Amino acid sequence: MEQFLQQLINGISLGSIYALIALGYTMVYGVIKLINFAHGDVYMLGAYIGYFCITNLNLGFFPSLLISMLVCALLGATIEKIAYKPLRNASRIAVLITAIGVSLFLEYGTMFFVKPDPRSYPPLTGFMAKTFRVGNLLITSQQILIIIITVVLMIALQLIVKRTRIGKAMRAVSLDGDAAQLMGISVDRTISFTFILGSALAGAAGILVGIYYNSINPLMGTMPGLKAFVAAVFGGIGIIPGAMIGGYFIGLVEVMVSGYGNSMYRDAVVFAILIIILIVKPSGLLGKETREKV
């Protein structure tokens, strides 16, 4: 039982990171029906920006977190303006290929500037270096921090989407972009804001991974990005609560497979879940079946 509770804590920590990344996927898809495969690499850049702020600028964790989110938000807006906006009316396959191209550009562009060698985050001090024991359970301060920051960001996201003017615009464009434009909503501005919001969350996830696993590299966004995509599909891509549920579910599954089975199979199990979802309920856990005119 104690081992199960320990794995549960580890799974919630990992799932928090997947959930933050999955939110970016699901928001962009919900608004413009685009699977932004470059999103995982924005998360990778968030880890490197946090590393630079902590090691070169000697900033603390929270200032580094805010700077990472801000820079990634600007990067997301730039990617949308340069790569995706000119293809707004292009075929889906053209946009998908462009997303893959942007992903490879970010990965190997980063590799050119920072070299492919893994880098280690500096050792944490003070509260962030503590480990708490509850019975035989070990809970690190990093795990507590990851869970708290994720919950705060998710609540903030829900408030933005449900209570603000731009959030209402996002929901309107998601339902019918043409009708929203006729009602005076700037579709381009709304789409740009969606990329900004999703990229900021990915930047936060990047620096959280840096302090949790203590190792980053230019290709670190590929597999977590794909798993976050699986999480978004599991919950119902385009549905924000679904992305949260999917992120925690995938994190728990991965940790349980590693703890009770073989860590070599954890990725296979995650993608097997994706296949099962697409066969049994393609719309996801919270998604609804919709008919599409052809």
C-alpha atoms as a PDB file:
ATOM      1  CA  MET A   1       0.000   0.000   0.000  1.00  0.00           C
ATOM      2  CA  GLU A   2       2.811   2.391   0.854  1.00  0.00           C
ATOM      3  CA  GLN A   3       4.492   1.698  -2.481  1.00  0.00           C
ATOM      4  CA  PHE A   4       1.200   2.426  -4.244  1.00  0.00           C
ATOM      5  CA  LEU A   5       0.817   5.759  -2.422  1.00  0.00           C
ATOM      6  CA  GLN A   6       4.413   6.680  -3.260  1.00  0.00           C
ATOM      7  CA  GLN A   7       3.821   5.902  -6.933  1.00  0.00           C
ATOM      8  CA  LEU A   8       0.577   7.881  -6.761  1.00  0.00           C
ATOM      9  CA  ILE A   9       2.453  10.966  -5.550  1.00  0.00           C
ATOM     10  CA  ASN A  10       5.072  10.534  -8.277  1.00  0.00           C
ATOM     11  CA  GLY A  11       2.344  10.071 -10.886  1.00  0.00           C
ATOM     12  CA  ILE A  12       0.505  13.236  -9.844  1.00  0.00           C
ATOM     13  CA  SER A  13       3.752  15.226 -10.108  1.00  0.00           C
ATOM     14  CA  LEU A  14       4.505  13.879 -13.590  1.00  0.00           C
ATOM     15  CA  GLY A  15       0.875  14.201 -14.643  1.00  0.00           C
ATOM     16  CA  SER A  16       0.899  17.880 -13.643  1.00  0.00           C
ATOM     17  CA  ILE A  17       3.627  18.523 -16.203  1.00  0.00           C
ATOM     18  CA  TYR A  18       1.821  16.565 -18.923  1.00  0.00           C
ATOM     19  CA  ALA A  19      -1.375  18.461 -18.119  1.00  0.00           C
ATOM     20  CA  LEU A  20       0.311  21.853 -18.579  1.00  0.00           C
ATOM     21  CA  ILE A  21       1.672  20.817 -21.976  1.00  0.00           C
ATOM     22  CA  ALA A  22      -1.614  19.181 -23.023  1.00  0.00           C
ATOM     23  CA  LEU A  23      -3.516  22.394 -22.300  1.00  0.00           C
ATOM     24  CA  GLY A  24      -1.574  24.151 -25.060  1.00  0.00           C
ATOM     25  CA  TYR A  25      -2.399  21.407 -27.551  1.00  0.00           C
ATOM     26  CA  THR A  26      -6.076  21.373 -26.676  1.00  0.00           C
ATOM     27  CA  MET A  27      -6.569  25.159 -26.698  1.00  0.00           C
ATOM     28  CA  VAL A  28      -4.976  25.606 -30.125  1.00  0.00           C
ATOM     29  CA  TYR A  29      -6.914  22.689 -31.566  1.00  0.00           C
ATOM     30  CA  GLY A  30     -10.143  23.929 -29.998  1.00  0.00           C
ATOM     31  CA  VAL A  31      -9.796  27.353 -31.624  1.00  0.00           C
ATOM     32  CA  ILE A  32      -8.317  26.631 -35.074  1.00  0.00           C
ATOM     33  CA  LYS A  33      -8.367  22.807 -35.341  1.00  0.00           C
ATOM     34  CA  LEU A  34      -4.555  22.681 -35.583  1.00  0.00           C
ATOM     35  CA  ILE A  35      -2.337  20.069 -33.924  1.00  0.00           C
ATOM     36  CA  ASN A  36       0.712  22.187 -33.100  1.00  0.00           C
ATOM     37  CA  PHE A  37       3.502  19.601 -32.978  1.00  0.00           C
ATOM     38  CA  ALA A  38       6.005  22.385 -32.263  1.00  0.00           C
ATOM     39  CA  HIS A  39       4.400  22.839 -28.843  1.00  0.00           C
ATOM     40  CA  GLY A  40       6.651  20.247 -27.205  1.00  0.00           C
ATOM     41  CA  ASP A  41       9.697  22.165 -28.391  1.00  0.00           C
ATOM     42  CA  VAL A  42       8.393  25.388 -26.864  1.00  0.00           C
ATOM     43  CA  TYR A  43       8.335  23.427 -23.606  1.00  0.00           C
ATOM     44  CA  MET A  44      11.973  22.444 -24.237  1.00  0.00           C
ATOM     45  CA  LEU A  45      12.932  26.087 -24.802  1.00  0.00           C
ATOM     46  CA  GLY A  46      11.173  27.001 -21.553  1.00  0.00           C
ATOM     47  CA  ALA A  47      13.531  24.623 -19.736  1.00  0.00           C
ATOM     48  CA  TYR A  48      16.577  26.228 -21.377  1.00  0.00           C
ATOM     49  CA  ILE A  49      15.388  29.760 -20.681  1.00  0.00           C
ATOM     50  CA  GLY A  50      14.907  28.863 -17.018  1.00  0.00           C
ATOM     51  CA  TYR A  51      18.370  27.275 -16.951  1.00  0.00           C
ATOM     52  CA  PHE A  52      19.925  30.433 -18.437  1.00  0.00           C
ATOM     53  CA  CYS A  53      18.137  32.698 -15.945  1.00  0.00           C
ATOM     54  CA  ILE A  54      19.213  30.614 -12.945  1.00  0.00           C
ATOM     55  CA  THR A  55      22.838  29.972 -13.981  1.00  0.00           C
ATOM     56  CA  ASN A  56      23.822  33.081 -15.987  1.00  0.00           C
ATOM     57  CA  LEU A  57      21.596  35.778 -14.484  1.00  0.00           C
ATOM     58  CA  ASN A  58      21.675  34.316 -10.955  1.00  0.00           C
ATOM     59  CA  LEU A  59      17.923  34.719 -10.595  1.00  0.00           C
ATOM     60  CA  GLY A  60      15.768  32.722  -8.214  1.00  0.00           C
ATOM     61  CA  PHE A  61      13.285  30.088  -9.269  1.00  0.00           C
ATOM     62  CA  PHE A  62      10.142  32.242  -9.361  1.00  0.00           C
ATOM     63  CA  PRO A  63      11.655  35.144 -11.391  1.00  0.00           C
ATOM     64  CA  SER A  64      13.085  32.528 -13.771  1.00  0.00           C
ATOM     65  CA  LEU A  65       9.660  30.880 -14.033  1.00  0.00           C
ATOM     66  CA  LEU A  66       7.988  34.177 -14.963  1.00  0.00           C
ATOM     67  CA  ILE A  67      10.685  35.045 -17.517  1.00  0.00           C
ATOM     68  CA  SER A  68      10.438  31.571 -19.053  1.00  0.00           C
ATOM     69  CA  MET A  69       6.656  31.903 -19.382  1.00  0.00           C
ATOM     70  CA  LEU A  70       6.958  35.396 -20.870  1.00  0.00           C
ATOM     71  CA  VAL A  71       9.621  34.480 -23.438  1.00  0.00           C
ATOM     72  CA  CYS A  72       7.767  31.305 -24.450  1.00  0.00           C
ATOM     73  CA  ALA A  73       4.554  33.325 -24.801  1.00  0.00           C
ATOM     74  CA  LEU A  74       6.317  35.725 -27.175  1.00  0.00           C
ATOM     75  CA  LEU A  75       7.805  32.771 -29.037  1.00  0.00           C
ATOM     76  CA  GLY A  76       4.360  31.203 -29.423  1.00  0.00           C
ATOM     77  CA  ALA A  77       2.957  34.437 -30.853  1.00  0.00           C
ATOM     78  CA  THR A  78       5.912  34.682 -33.263  1.00  0.00           C
ATOM     79  CA  ILE A  79       5.493  31.093 -34.461  1.00  0.00           C
ATOM     80  CA  GLU A  80       1.794  31.665 -35.074  1.00  0.00           C
ATOM     81  CA  LYS A  81       2.388  34.906 -36.983  1.00  0.00           C
ATOM     82  CA  ILE A  82       5.240  33.638 -39.178  1.00  0.00           C
ATOM     83  CA  ALA A  83       4.430  29.960 -39.710  1.00  0.00           C
ATOM     84  CA  TYR A  84       0.696  29.417 -39.248  1.00  0.00           C
ATOM     85  CA  LYS A  85      -1.101  32.672 -40.054  1.00  0.00           C
ATOM     86  CA  PRO A  86      -0.119  32.661 -43.765  1.00  0.00           C
ATOM     87  CA  LEU A  87      -1.593  29.139 -43.980  1.00  0.00           C
ATOM     88  CA  ARG A  88      -4.887  30.022 -42.306  1.00  0.00           C
ATOM     89  CA  ASN A  89      -6.886  28.963 -45.385  1.00  0.00           C
ATOM     90  CA  ALA A  90      -4.521  26.233 -46.589  1.00  0.00           C
ATOM     91  CA  SER A  91      -5.230  22.507 -46.457  1.00  0.00           C
ATOM     92  CA  ARG A  92      -4.832  20.714 -43.123  1.00  0.00           C
ATOM     93  CA  ILE A  93      -2.000  18.567 -44.422  1.00  0.00           C
ATOM     94  CA  ALA A  94      -0.001  21.682 -45.391  1.00  0.00           C
ATOM     95  CA  VAL A  95      -0.417  23.140 -41.903  1.00  0.00           C
ATOM     96  CA  LEU A  96       0.468  19.795 -40.302  1.00  0.00           C
ATOM     97  CA  ILE A  97       3.674  19.502 -42.332  1.00  0.00           C
ATOM     98  CA  THR A  98       4.533  23.092 -41.408  1.00  0.00           C
ATOM     99  CA  ALA A  99       4.057  22.271 -37.705  1.00  0.00           C
ATOM    100  CA  ILE A 100       6.458  19.349 -38.012  1.00  0.00           C
ATOM    101  CA  GLY A 101       8.931  21.615 -39.836  1.00  0.00           C
ATOM    102  CA  VAL A 102       8.738  24.259 -37.096  1.00  0.00           C
ATOM    103  CA  SER A 103       9.309  21.519 -34.502  1.00  0.00           C
ATOM    104  CA  LEU A 104      12.476  20.309 -36.247  1.00  0.00           C
ATOM    105  CA  PHE A 105      13.683  23.894 -36.737  1.00  0.00           C
ATOM    106  CA  LEU A 106      13.365  24.626 -33.000  1.00  0.00           C
ATOM    107  CA  GLU A 107      15.056  21.371 -32.006  1.00  0.00           C
ATOM    108  CA  TYR A 108      18.064  21.615 -34.273  1.00  0.00           C
ATOM    109  CA  GLY A 109      18.298  25.394 -34.041  1.00  0.00           C
ATOM    110  CA  THR A 110      18.585  25.007 -30.270  1.00  0.00           C
ATOM    111  CA  MET A 111      21.105  22.216 -30.741  1.00  0.00           C
ATOM    112  CA  PHE A 112      23.224  24.505 -32.938  1.00  0.00           C
ATOM    113  CA  PHE A 113      23.394  27.238 -30.297  1.00  0.00           C
ATOM    114  CA  VAL A 114      23.611  25.240 -27.054  1.00  0.00           C
ATOM    115  CA  LYS A 115      25.165  21.978 -28.385  1.00  0.00           C
ATOM    116  CA  PRO A 116      23.499  18.564 -28.006  1.00  0.00           C
ATOM    117  CA  ASP A 117      25.068  17.706 -24.642  1.00  0.00           C
ATOM    118  CA  PRO A 118      22.618  17.399 -21.713  1.00  0.00           C
ATOM    119  CA  ARG A 119      22.852  20.124 -19.097  1.00  0.00           C
ATOM    120  CA  SER A 120      22.137  19.873 -15.396  1.00  0.00           C
ATOM    121  CA  TYR A 121      20.152  22.440 -13.459  1.00  0.00           C
ATOM    122  CA  PRO A 122      22.124  23.860 -10.518  1.00  0.00           C
ATOM    123  CA  PRO A 123      21.440  22.204  -7.150  1.00  0.00           C
ATOM    124  CA  LEU A 124      18.501  23.669  -5.304  1.00  0.00           C
ATOM    125  CA  THR A 125      18.874  25.282  -1.903  1.00  0.00           C
ATOM    126  CA  GLY A 126      16.654  26.188   1.026  1.00  0.00           C
ATOM    127  CA  PHE A 127      13.089  24.930   1.025  1.00  0.00           C
ATOM    128  CA  MET A 128      13.351  23.602  -2.529  1.00  0.00           C
ATOM    129  CA  ALA A 129      16.028  21.113  -1.478  1.00  0.00           C
ATOM    130  CA  LYS A 130      14.013  19.595   1.361  1.00  0.00           C
ATOM    131  CA  THR A 131      12.458  16.151   1.482  1.00  0.00           C
ATOM    132  CA  PHE A 132       9.530  15.432   3.769  1.00  0.00           C
ATOM    133  CA  ARG A 133       8.726  12.046   5.244  1.00  0.00           C
ATOM    134  CA  VAL A 134       5.133  11.075   6.019  1.00  0.00           C
ATOM    135  CA  GLY A 135       5.325   7.612   7.492  1.00  0.00           C
ATOM    136  CA  ASN A 136       7.369   5.719   4.907  1.00  0.00           C
ATOM    137  CA  LEU A 137       6.369   8.088   2.091  1.00  0.00           C
ATOM    138  CA  LEU A 138       8.904  10.548   0.711  1.00  0.00           C
ATOM    139  CA  ILE A 139       7.635  13.831  -0.735  1.00  0.00           C
ATOM    140  CA  THR A 140      10.120  16.291  -2.179  1.00  0.00           C
ATOM    141  CA  SER A 141       9.647  20.032  -2.131  1.00  0.00           C
ATOM    142  CA  GLN A 142       9.897  19.967  -5.944  1.00  0.00           C
ATOM    143  CA  GLN A 143       6.852  17.701  -6.126  1.00  0.00           C
ATOM    144  CA  ILE A 144       4.896  19.998  -3.826  1.00  0.00           C
ATOM    145  CA  LEU A 145       5.944  23.018  -5.871  1.00  0.00           C
ATOM    146  CA  ILE A 146       5.026  21.372  -9.183  1.00  0.00           C
ATOM    147  CA  ILE A 147       1.557  20.409  -7.960  1.00  0.00           C
ATOM    148  CA  ILE A 148       0.842  23.834  -6.419  1.00  0.00           C
ATOM    149  CA  ILE A 149       2.063  25.795  -9.460  1.00  0.00           C
ATOM    150  CA  THR A 150       0.114  23.552 -11.831  1.00  0.00           C
ATOM    151  CA  VAL A 151      -3.113  23.934  -9.855  1.00  0.00           C
ATOM    152  CA  VAL A 152      -2.678  27.719  -9.662  1.00  0.00           C
ATOM    153  CA  LEU A 153      -2.023  27.986 -13.414  1.00  0.00           C
ATOM    154  CA  MET A 154      -5.006  25.764 -14.236  1.00  0.00           C
ATOM    155  CA  ILE A 155      -7.316  27.852 -12.055  1.00  0.00           C
ATOM    156  CA  ALA A 156      -5.963  31.027 -13.665  1.00  0.00           C
ATOM    157  CA  LEU A 157      -6.551  29.535 -17.120  1.00  0.00           C
ATOM    158  CA  GLN A 158     -10.138  28.606 -16.267  1.00  0.00           C
ATOM    159  CA  LEU A 159     -10.788  32.127 -14.958  1.00  0.00           C
ATOM    160  CA  ILE A 160      -9.351  33.642 -18.143  1.00  0.00           C
ATOM    161  CA  VAL A 161     -11.417  31.406 -20.421  1.00  0.00           C
ATOM    162  CA  LYS A 162     -14.676  31.674 -18.430  1.00  0.00           C
ATOM    163  CA  ARG A 163     -14.616  35.201 -16.981  1.00  0.00           C
ATOM    164  CA  THR A 164     -12.687  37.504 -19.325  1.00  0.00           C
ATOM    165  CA  ARG A 165     -13.588  39.164 -22.609  1.00  0.00           C
ATOM    166  CA  ILE A 166     -10.763  37.462 -24.502  1.00  0.00           C
ATOM    167  CA  GLY A 167     -11.810  34.132 -22.996  1.00  0.00           C
ATOM    168  CA  LYS A 168     -15.326  34.608 -24.334  1.00  0.00           C
ATOM    169  CA  ALA A 169     -13.818  35.453 -27.710  1.00  0.00           C
ATOM    170  CA  MET A 170     -11.806  32.210 -27.620  1.00  0.00           C
ATOM    171  CA  ARG A 171     -14.946  30.211 -26.940  1.00  0.00           C
ATOM    172  CA  ALA A 172     -16.837  32.022 -29.690  1.00  0.00           C
ATOM    173  CA  VAL A 173     -14.098  31.428 -32.283  1.00  0.00           C
ATOM    174  CA  SER A 174     -13.921  27.804 -31.195  1.00  0.00           C
ATOM    175  CA  LEU A 175     -17.635  27.338 -31.899  1.00  0.00           C
ATOM    176  CA  ASP A 176     -17.816  29.275 -35.179  1.00  0.00           C
ATOM    177  CA  GLY A 177     -15.011  31.524 -36.377  1.00  0.00           C
ATOM    178  CA  ASP A 178     -17.009  33.117 -39.202  1.00  0.00           C
ATOM    179  CA  ALA A 179     -19.952  33.978 -36.961  1.00  0.00           C
ATOM    180  CA  ALA A 180     -17.576  35.362 -34.316  1.00  0.00           C
ATOM    181  CA  GLN A 181     -15.975  37.624 -36.916  1.00  0.00           C
ATOM    182  CA  LEU A 182     -19.404  38.900 -37.998  1.00  0.00           C
ATOM    183  CA  MET A 183     -20.070  39.782 -34.358  1.00  0.00           C
ATOM    184  CA  GLY A 184     -16.993  42.007 -34.275  1.00  0.00           C
ATOM    185  CA  ILE A 185     -14.489  39.603 -32.703  1.00  0.00           C
ATOM    186  CA  SER A 186     -10.935  39.810 -34.046  1.00  0.00           C
ATOM    187  CA  VAL A 187     -10.260  36.198 -34.971  1.00  0.00           C
ATOM    188  CA  ASP A 188      -6.556  36.816 -35.667  1.00  0.00           C
ATOM    189  CA  ARG A 189      -6.018  38.458 -32.290  1.00  0.00           C
ATOM    190  CA  THR A 190      -7.897  35.673 -30.532  1.00  0.00           C
ATOM    191  CA  ILE A 191      -5.821  32.979 -32.218  1.00  0.00           C
ATOM    192  CA  SER A 192      -2.596  34.803 -31.342  1.00  0.00           C
ATOM    193  CA  PHE A 193      -3.687  35.053 -27.707  1.00  0.00           C
ATOM    194  CA  THR A 194      -4.442  31.331 -27.664  1.00  0.00           C
ATOM    195  CA  PHE A 195      -0.887  30.581 -28.811  1.00  0.00           C
ATOM    196  CA  ILE A 196       0.482  33.031 -26.223  1.00  0.00           C
ATOM    197  CA  LEU A 197      -1.459  31.380 -23.405  1.00  0.00           C
ATOM    198  CA  GLY A 198      -0.593  27.814 -24.405  1.00  0.00           C
ATOM    199  CA  SER A 199       3.082  28.613 -24.933  1.00  0.00           C
ATOM    200  CA  ALA A 200       3.326  30.314 -21.532  1.00  0.00           C
ATOM    201  CA  LEU A 201       2.007  27.144 -19.876  1.00  0.00           C
ATOM    202  CA  ALA A 202       4.517  25.059 -21.846  1.00  0.00           C
ATOM    203  CA  GLY A 203       7.318  27.356 -20.668  1.00  0.00           C
ATOM    204  CA  ALA A 204       6.236  26.812 -17.072  1.00  0.00           C
ATOM    205  CA  ALA A 205       6.224  23.044 -17.616  1.00  0.00           C
ATOM    206  CA  GLY A 206       9.745  23.222 -19.049  1.00  0.00           C
ATOM    207  CA  ILE A 207      11.350  24.846 -16.031  1.00  0.00           C
ATOM    208  CA  LEU A 208       9.397  22.566 -13.668  1.00  0.00           C
ATOM    209  CA  VAL A 209      10.839  19.545 -15.479  1.00  0.00           C
ATOM    210  CA  GLY A 210      14.292  21.083 -15.181  1.00  0.00           C
ATOM    211  CA  ILE A 211      14.158  21.317 -11.399  1.00  0.00           C
ATOM    212  CA  TYR A 212      12.442  17.920 -11.078  1.00  0.00           C
ATOM    213  CA  TYR A 213      14.656  15.760 -13.301  1.00  0.00           C
ATOM    214  CA  ASN A 214      17.720  18.014 -13.147  1.00  0.00           C
ATOM    215  CA  SER A 215      18.651  17.316 -16.780  1.00  0.00           C
ATOM    216  CA  ILE A 216      17.695  19.014 -20.058  1.00  0.00           C
ATOM    217  CA  ASN A 217      18.647  18.546 -23.711  1.00  0.00           C
ATOM    218  CA  PRO A 218      17.486  19.933 -27.087  1.00  0.00           C
ATOM    219  CA  LEU A 219      15.401  16.851 -27.919  1.00  0.00           C
ATOM    220  CA  MET A 220      13.661  16.629 -24.546  1.00  0.00           C
ATOM    221  CA  GLY A 221      10.389  18.014 -25.917  1.00  0.00           C
ATOM    222  CA  THR A 222       9.696  15.237 -28.407  1.00  0.00           C
ATOM    223  CA  MET A 223       8.427  12.396 -26.232  1.00  0.00           C
ATOM    224  CA  PRO A 224       6.689  14.507 -23.529  1.00  0.00           C
ATOM    225  CA  GLY A 225       5.066  16.496 -26.333  1.00  0.00           C
ATOM    226  CA  LEU A 226       3.677  13.335 -27.903  1.00  0.00           C
ATOM    227  CA  LYS A 227       2.505  12.025 -24.525  1.00  0.00           C
ATOM    228  CA  ALA A 228       0.801  15.339 -23.790  1.00  0.00           C
ATOM    229  CA  PHE A 229      -0.916  15.019 -27.167  1.00  0.00           C
ATOM    230  CA  VAL A 230      -2.116  11.547 -26.112  1.00  0.00           C
ATOM    231  CA  ALA A 231      -3.381  13.115 -22.871  1.00  0.00           C
ATOM    232  CA  ALA A 232      -5.292  15.771 -24.827  1.00  0.00           C
ATOM    233  CA  VAL A 233      -6.855  13.112 -27.078  1.00  0.00           C
ATOM    234  CA  PHE A 234      -7.723  10.952 -24.065  1.00  0.00           C
ATOM    235  CA  GLY A 235      -9.594  13.769 -22.349  1.00  0.00           C
ATOM    236  CA  GLY A 236     -11.184  15.062 -25.562  1.00  0.00           C
ATOM    237  CA  ILE A 237      -8.982  17.345 -27.621  1.00  0.00           C
ATOM    238  CA  GLY A 238     -10.303  20.883 -27.630  1.00  0.00           C
ATOM    239  CA  ILE A 239     -11.745  20.500 -24.106  1.00  0.00           C
ATOM    240  CA  ILE A 240      -9.685  22.128 -21.339  1.00  0.00           C
ATOM    241  CA  PRO A 241     -10.886  19.976 -18.377  1.00  0.00           C
ATOM    242  CA  GLY A 242     -10.294  16.916 -20.563  1.00  0.00           C
ATOM    243  CA  ALA A 243      -6.644  17.899 -21.078  1.00  0.00           C
ATOM    244  CA  MET A 244      -6.180  18.198 -17.313  1.00  0.00           C
ATOM    245  CA  ILE A 245      -7.734  14.785 -16.670  1.00  0.00           C
ATOM    246  CA  GLY A 246      -5.769  13.232 -19.527  1.00  0.00           C
ATOM    247  CA  GLY A 247      -2.472  14.666 -18.294  1.00  0.00           C
ATOM    248  CA  TYR A 248      -2.887  13.236 -14.805  1.00  0.00           C
ATOM    249  CA  PHE A 249      -4.106   9.907 -16.179  1.00  0.00           C
ATOM    250  CA  ILE A 250      -1.107   9.481 -18.498  1.00  0.00           C
ATOM    251  CA  GLY A 251       1.290  10.504 -15.715  1.00  0.00           C
ATOM    252  CA  LEU A 252      -0.209   7.947 -13.335  1.00  0.00           C
ATOM    253  CA  VAL A 253      -0.194   5.196 -15.965  1.00  0.00           C
ATOM    254  CA  GLU A 254       3.452   5.830 -16.836  1.00  0.00           C
ATOM    255  CA  VAL A 255       4.570   5.785 -13.203  1.00  0.00           C
ATOM    256  CA  MET A 256       2.538   2.688 -12.355  1.00  0.00           C
ATOM    257  CA  VAL A 257       3.920   0.775 -15.330  1.00  0.00           C
ATOM    258  CA  SER A 258       7.466   1.745 -14.309  1.00  0.00           C
ATOM    259  CA  GLY A 259       6.879   0.910 -10.637  1.00  0.00           C
ATOM    260  CA  TYR A 260       5.023  -2.377 -10.989  1.00  0.00           C
ATOM    261  CA  GLY A 261       6.171  -3.585 -14.376  1.00  0.00           C
ATOM    262  CA  ASN A 262       9.089  -2.555 -16.561  1.00  0.00           C
ATOM    263  CA  SER A 263      10.033   1.033 -17.316  1.00  0.00           C
ATOM    264  CA  MET A 264      10.987  -0.015 -20.861  1.00  0.00           C
ATOM    265  CA  TYR A 265       7.286  -0.583 -21.615  1.00  0.00           C
ATOM    266  CA  ARG A 266       5.902   2.689 -20.270  1.00  0.00           C
ATOM    267  CA  ASP A 267       5.966   4.518 -23.622  1.00  0.00           C
ATOM    268  CA  ALA A 268       4.430   1.529 -25.399  1.00  0.00           C
ATOM    269  CA  VAL A 269       1.576   1.428 -22.890  1.00  0.00           C
ATOM    270  CA  VAL A 270       0.877   5.152 -23.316  1.00  0.00           C
ATOM    271  CA  PHE A 271       0.600   4.867 -27.095  1.00  0.00           C
ATOM    272  CA  ALA A 272      -1.412   1.655 -26.803  1.00  0.00           C
ATOM    273  CA  ILE A 273      -3.894   3.708 -24.788  1.00  0.00           C
ATOM    274  CA  LEU A 274      -4.044   6.210 -27.668  1.00  0.00           C
ATOM    275  CA  ILE A 275      -4.857   3.437 -30.135  1.00  0.00           C
ATOM    276  CA  ILE A 276      -7.584   2.057 -27.864  1.00  0.00           C
ATOM    277  CA  ILE A 277      -9.097   5.535 -27.406  1.00  0.00           C
ATOM    278  CA  LEU A 278      -9.187   6.154 -31.154  1.00  0.00           C
ATOM    279  CA  ILE A 279     -10.892   2.793 -31.693  1.00  0.00           C
ATOM    280  CA  VAL A 280     -13.389   2.883 -28.815  1.00  0.00           C
ATOM    281  CA  LYS A 281     -14.148   6.610 -28.374  1.00  0.00           C
ATOM    282  CA  PRO A 282     -12.334   8.829 -30.887  1.00  0.00           C
ATOM    283  CA  SER A 283     -13.811  11.995 -29.373  1.00  0.00           C
ATOM    284  CA  GLY A 284     -12.127  11.306 -26.016  1.00  0.00           C
ATOM    285  CA  LEU A 285     -13.403  10.976 -22.467  1.00  0.00           C
ATOM    286  CA  LEU A 286     -15.282  14.303 -22.321  1.00  0.00           C
ATOM    287  CA  GLY A 287     -15.701  14.796 -26.063  1.00  0.00           C
ATOM    288  CA  LYS A 288     -18.957  14.539 -27.959  1.00  0.00           C
ATOM    289  CA  GLU A 289     -19.457  12.899 -31.322  1.00  0.00           C
ATOM    290  CA  THR A 290     -19.986  15.508 -34.022  1.00  0.00           C
ATOM    291  CA  ARG A 291     -20.981  15.124 -37.619  1.00  0.00           C
ATOM    292  CA  GLU A 292     -18.879  16.864 -40.213  1.00  0.00           C
ATOM    293  CA  LYS A 293     -20.247  17.954 -43.582  1.00  0.00           C
ATOM    294  CA  VAL A 294     -18.264  16.781 -46.581  1.00  0.00           C
END
